[in-house]
Amino acid sequence: MLVQKFEYPNLSRKSVEGRRLYSTPTGHRVPSVTTILEATKSEEKKAALQNWRKNVGVVKAKQITEEAANHGTSMHKKLEQYMKGELKPPGTNPIQQVTHKMAELVIAKGLVNVSEAWGLEAALYYEGLYAGTTDCCGIWKGNESIIDFKQSNKIKKEAWIEDYYVQLAAYALAHNRMFDTKIKTGVVMMCVRSEPPQYLEFDLTGAKFAKYETMWWDKVEQYYRANG
């Protein structure tokens, strides 16, 4: 499955005043995709997050967030191991056992449609503007694509994942700029942590891709207007 078609760079990164900044090969220090998304989040979304934290309590909110991050990281690692031909049994660790089942479902429902993986945790940048790391890029259902893996604590509606679509568009634009590809497709492969786990898939193509491409450039402009 792994095909070394492109040479992805190693980009150093550091946090400066709460912003994640990448250093590109030419020496530019640019914000990460997630930093731009966070800085340009709507007041409505900020309020919704604050209300959730208030309703569940600060301690519980932190616990839920950390637990989700741990499960997400573990699932990602297992999917990477699979694509490298190195997937191992889960052992006795309870988190590993849960995320192994989740990874197996993503493999059976999602990665079965990936014929080539060019890069895993691939660093991408749009010179002078932004950078980031995408989960996977390659060929999905016959199309050059950006592929994102997500774990979720509950079923999500498409209307709730706009930031994921914007992120896919940002990485596609950077990949096209770096390697002269023509990526206009993205896919989110999501596994819901339930018993049994459930698989959700959200694709970004055609007019929908164009919509979120425009939305991303609007956010980049908004970020630099505010941050110079």
Protein backbone atom coordinates (compact mmCIF):
# COMPACT_ATOMS: atom_id res chain seq x y z
CA MET A 1 0.00 0.00 0.00
CA LEU A 2 2.83 2.43 0.80
CA VAL A 3 4.25 4.04 -2.33
CA GLN A 4 7.08 6.56 -1.95
CA LYS A 5 5.94 8.82 -4.75
CA PHE A 6 6.89 12.12 -3.12
CA GLU A 7 9.58 13.24 -0.71
CA TYR A 8 7.87 14.88 2.24
CA PRO A 9 10.03 17.26 4.28
CA ASN A 10 10.80 17.21 7.97
CA LEU A 11 9.50 20.51 9.34
CA SER A 12 10.47 21.71 12.79
CA ARG A 13 7.72 23.23 14.88
CA LYS A 14 7.39 25.06 18.16
CA SER A 15 4.69 26.73 20.22
CA VAL A 16 4.92 30.50 20.58
CA GLU A 17 2.34 32.27 22.75
CA GLY A 18 -0.17 29.48 22.22
CA ARG A 19 0.37 29.27 18.47
CA ARG A 20 1.96 26.29 16.77
CA LEU A 21 4.48 27.54 14.20
CA TYR A 22 6.32 25.52 11.55
CA SER A 23 9.62 26.46 9.94
CA THR A 24 9.59 25.85 6.18
CA PRO A 25 12.73 24.91 4.19
CA THR A 26 13.15 28.53 3.08
CA GLY A 27 13.19 29.76 6.68
CA HIS A 28 9.67 31.15 6.88
CA ARG A 29 7.89 30.57 10.18
CA VAL A 30 4.23 29.96 9.45
CA PRO A 31 1.20 28.99 11.57
CA SER A 32 -0.21 25.49 11.54
CA VAL A 33 -3.54 24.75 9.91
CA THR A 34 -5.05 24.03 13.33
CA THR A 35 -3.71 27.32 14.72
CA ILE A 36 -5.47 29.24 11.93
CA LEU A 37 -8.68 27.29 12.46
CA GLU A 38 -8.62 27.96 16.20
CA ALA A 39 -7.85 31.67 15.75
CA THR A 40 -10.70 32.12 13.27
CA LYS A 41 -13.31 30.06 15.12
CA SER A 42 -16.72 31.73 15.14
CA GLU A 43 -18.09 33.26 18.33
CA GLU A 44 -20.95 30.76 18.14
CA LYS A 45 -18.55 27.81 18.21
CA LYS A 46 -16.50 29.36 21.01
CA ALA A 47 -19.65 29.86 23.07
CA ALA A 48 -20.82 26.29 22.43
CA LEU A 49 -17.48 24.93 23.66
CA GLN A 50 -17.58 27.11 26.76
CA ASN A 51 -21.15 26.04 27.51
CA TRP A 52 -20.21 22.38 27.18
CA ARG A 53 -17.31 22.81 29.62
CA LYS A 54 -19.58 24.66 32.03
CA ASN A 55 -22.29 22.00 31.82
CA VAL A 56 -20.05 18.97 32.39
CA GLY A 57 -17.58 20.74 34.69
CA VAL A 58 -13.97 21.73 34.04
CA VAL A 59 -12.47 18.55 35.52
CA LYS A 60 -14.83 16.23 33.65
CA ALA A 61 -14.34 18.16 30.40
CA LYS A 62 -10.57 17.77 30.70
CA GLN A 63 -10.96 14.05 31.40
CA ILE A 64 -13.22 13.54 28.38
CA THR A 65 -10.87 15.51 26.12
CA GLU A 66 -7.75 13.66 27.27
CA GLU A 67 -9.44 10.28 26.99
CA ALA A 68 -10.58 11.04 23.44
CA ALA A 69 -7.08 12.21 22.51
CA ASN A 70 -5.52 9.02 23.90
CA HIS A 71 -7.92 6.79 22.00
CA GLY A 72 -7.46 8.84 18.83
CA THR A 73 -3.66 8.65 19.04
CA SER A 74 -3.76 4.90 19.65
CA MET A 75 -6.13 4.30 16.71
CA HIS A 76 -3.93 6.42 14.43
CA LYS A 77 -0.84 4.42 15.38
CA LYS A 78 -2.59 1.14 14.63
CA LEU A 79 -3.73 2.36 11.22
CA GLU A 80 -0.18 3.46 10.44
CA GLN A 81 1.13 0.06 11.56
CA TYR A 82 -1.38 -1.64 9.26
CA MET A 83 -0.33 0.41 6.23
CA LYS A 84 3.30 -0.39 7.00
CA GLY A 85 2.48 -4.09 7.38
CA GLU A 86 3.35 -3.99 11.08
CA LEU A 87 -0.02 -4.28 12.86
CA LYS A 88 0.31 -6.33 16.03
CA PRO A 89 -2.31 -7.92 18.36
CA PRO A 90 -3.65 -5.52 21.01
CA GLY A 91 -2.43 -7.32 24.14
CA THR A 92 -4.12 -6.78 27.49
CA ASN A 93 -4.13 -2.96 27.68
CA PRO A 94 -7.84 -1.92 27.71
CA ILE A 95 -7.30 1.19 25.57
CA GLN A 96 -5.33 -0.85 23.04
CA GLN A 97 -8.08 -3.46 22.90
CA VAL A 98 -10.74 -0.83 22.18
CA THR A 99 -8.70 1.05 19.58
CA HIS A 100 -7.62 -2.19 17.89
CA LYS A 101 -11.29 -2.96 17.20
CA MET A 102 -11.78 0.59 15.95
CA ALA A 103 -8.76 0.37 13.66
CA GLU A 104 -9.92 -2.97 12.27
CA LEU A 105 -13.26 -1.39 11.37
CA VAL A 106 -11.61 1.58 9.63
CA ILE A 107 -9.41 -0.87 7.72
CA ALA A 108 -12.38 -3.00 6.64
CA LYS A 109 -14.68 -0.10 5.70
CA GLY A 110 -12.32 2.70 4.72
CA LEU A 111 -8.75 1.68 3.95
CA VAL A 112 -10.03 -1.13 1.74
CA ASN A 113 -10.62 1.66 -0.81
CA VAL A 114 -7.07 3.06 -0.55
CA SER A 115 -4.85 1.62 -3.28
CA GLU A 116 -1.81 3.82 -2.61
CA ALA A 117 -0.59 5.67 0.46
CA TRP A 118 2.09 8.21 -0.47
CA GLY A 119 2.72 9.51 3.01
CA LEU A 120 1.68 8.96 6.63
CA GLU A 121 1.85 11.90 9.03
CA ALA A 122 3.12 13.83 6.03
CA ALA A 123 4.35 17.38 6.61
CA LEU A 124 2.92 19.86 4.10
CA TYR A 125 3.27 23.61 3.70
CA TYR A 126 2.07 26.45 1.52
CA GLU A 127 5.14 28.66 1.38
CA GLY A 128 4.84 31.83 3.40
CA LEU A 129 1.30 31.12 4.61
CA TYR A 130 0.76 27.90 6.57
CA ALA A 131 1.87 24.34 7.25
CA GLY A 132 0.67 21.19 8.95
CA THR A 133 0.74 17.43 9.10
CA THR A 134 -1.87 15.28 7.38
CA ASP A 135 -2.73 11.75 8.46
CA CYS A 136 -2.43 10.25 5.00
CA CYS A 137 -2.35 11.18 1.34
CA GLY A 138 -2.68 8.85 -1.61
CA ILE A 139 -5.24 7.23 -3.89
CA TRP A 140 -8.75 6.69 -2.49
CA LYS A 141 -11.41 5.23 -4.78
CA GLY A 142 -9.18 6.02 -7.74
CA ASN A 143 -8.69 9.70 -6.85
CA GLU A 144 -5.70 11.60 -5.51
CA SER A 145 -6.86 12.38 -2.00
CA ILE A 146 -6.14 13.73 1.45
CA ILE A 147 -7.25 11.17 4.04
CA ASP A 148 -8.04 12.00 7.65
CA PHE A 149 -8.65 9.54 10.49
CA LYS A 150 -10.89 10.58 13.35
CA GLN A 151 -12.22 8.91 16.47
CA SER A 152 -15.41 10.19 18.06
CA ASN A 153 -17.26 9.59 21.29
CA LYS A 154 -20.61 9.81 19.51
CA ILE A 155 -22.27 9.77 16.10
CA LYS A 156 -21.59 13.05 14.30
CA LYS A 157 -23.67 14.80 11.66
CA GLU A 158 -21.99 16.24 8.61
CA ALA A 159 -22.94 19.75 9.72
CA TRP A 160 -20.73 19.31 12.79
CA ILE A 161 -17.50 18.54 10.93
CA GLU A 162 -16.96 21.66 8.83
CA ASP A 163 -13.52 22.20 10.36
CA TYR A 164 -12.48 18.74 9.17
CA TYR A 165 -13.48 19.65 5.60
CA VAL A 166 -11.62 22.95 5.78
CA GLN A 167 -8.56 21.10 7.03
CA LEU A 168 -8.70 18.61 4.14
CA ALA A 169 -8.90 21.47 1.64
CA ALA A 170 -5.94 23.24 3.26
CA TYR A 171 -3.74 20.15 3.03
CA ALA A 172 -4.82 19.46 -0.54
CA LEU A 173 -3.87 22.99 -1.58
CA ALA A 174 -0.49 22.69 0.10
CA HIS A 175 0.19 19.30 -1.52
CA ASN A 176 -0.75 20.66 -4.94
CA ARG A 177 1.54 23.65 -4.44
CA MET A 178 4.49 21.51 -3.32
CA PHE A 179 4.24 18.66 -5.80
CA ASP A 180 2.10 19.95 -8.68
CA THR A 181 -0.62 17.40 -7.93
CA LYS A 182 -4.29 18.03 -8.71
CA ILE A 183 -5.91 16.89 -5.48
CA LYS A 184 -9.57 17.88 -5.30
CA THR A 185 -10.78 15.08 -3.05
CA GLY A 186 -10.66 14.46 0.67
CA VAL A 187 -12.18 11.88 2.97
CA VAL A 188 -12.73 11.65 6.71
CA MET A 189 -12.71 8.07 8.00
CA MET A 190 -14.29 8.23 11.43
CA CYS A 191 -14.80 5.53 14.01
CA VAL A 192 -17.26 6.05 16.86
CA ARG A 193 -16.09 4.60 20.16
CA SER A 194 -19.09 2.47 21.08
CA GLU A 195 -19.81 -1.21 21.57
CA PRO A 196 -19.61 -2.33 18.89
CA PRO A 197 -17.69 0.55 17.23
CA GLN A 198 -19.40 2.29 14.31
CA TYR A 199 -17.82 3.58 11.10
CA LEU A 200 -18.74 6.90 9.47
CA GLU A 201 -17.31 8.31 6.25
CA PHE A 202 -17.49 11.86 4.95
CA ASP A 203 -16.15 12.72 1.51
CA LEU A 204 -15.17 16.09 0.09
CA THR A 205 -15.42 16.30 -3.69
CA GLY A 206 -16.67 18.48 -6.52
CA ALA A 207 -18.56 21.65 -5.62
CA LYS A 208 -18.26 20.82 -1.93
CA PHE A 209 -14.48 20.82 -2.21
CA ALA A 210 -14.57 24.20 -3.95
CA LYS A 211 -16.77 25.57 -1.16
CA TYR A 212 -14.36 24.61 1.60
CA GLU A 213 -11.33 25.66 -0.44
CA THR A 214 -12.82 29.15 -0.54
CA MET A 215 -13.68 28.97 3.15
CA TRP A 216 -10.06 28.08 3.95
CA TRP A 217 -8.64 31.03 2.03
CA ASP A 218 -11.10 33.31 3.83
CA LYS A 219 -9.78 32.01 7.15
CA VAL A 220 -6.16 32.51 6.08
CA GLU A 221 -6.94 36.11 5.14
CA GLN A 222 -8.80 36.65 8.41
CA TYR A 223 -5.87 35.23 10.40
CA TYR A 224 -3.27 37.46 8.77
CA ARG A 225 -5.44 40.55 9.06
CA ALA A 226 -5.52 39.95 12.81
CA ASN A 227 -1.92 38.78 13.23
CA GLY A 228 0.03 40.71 10.64
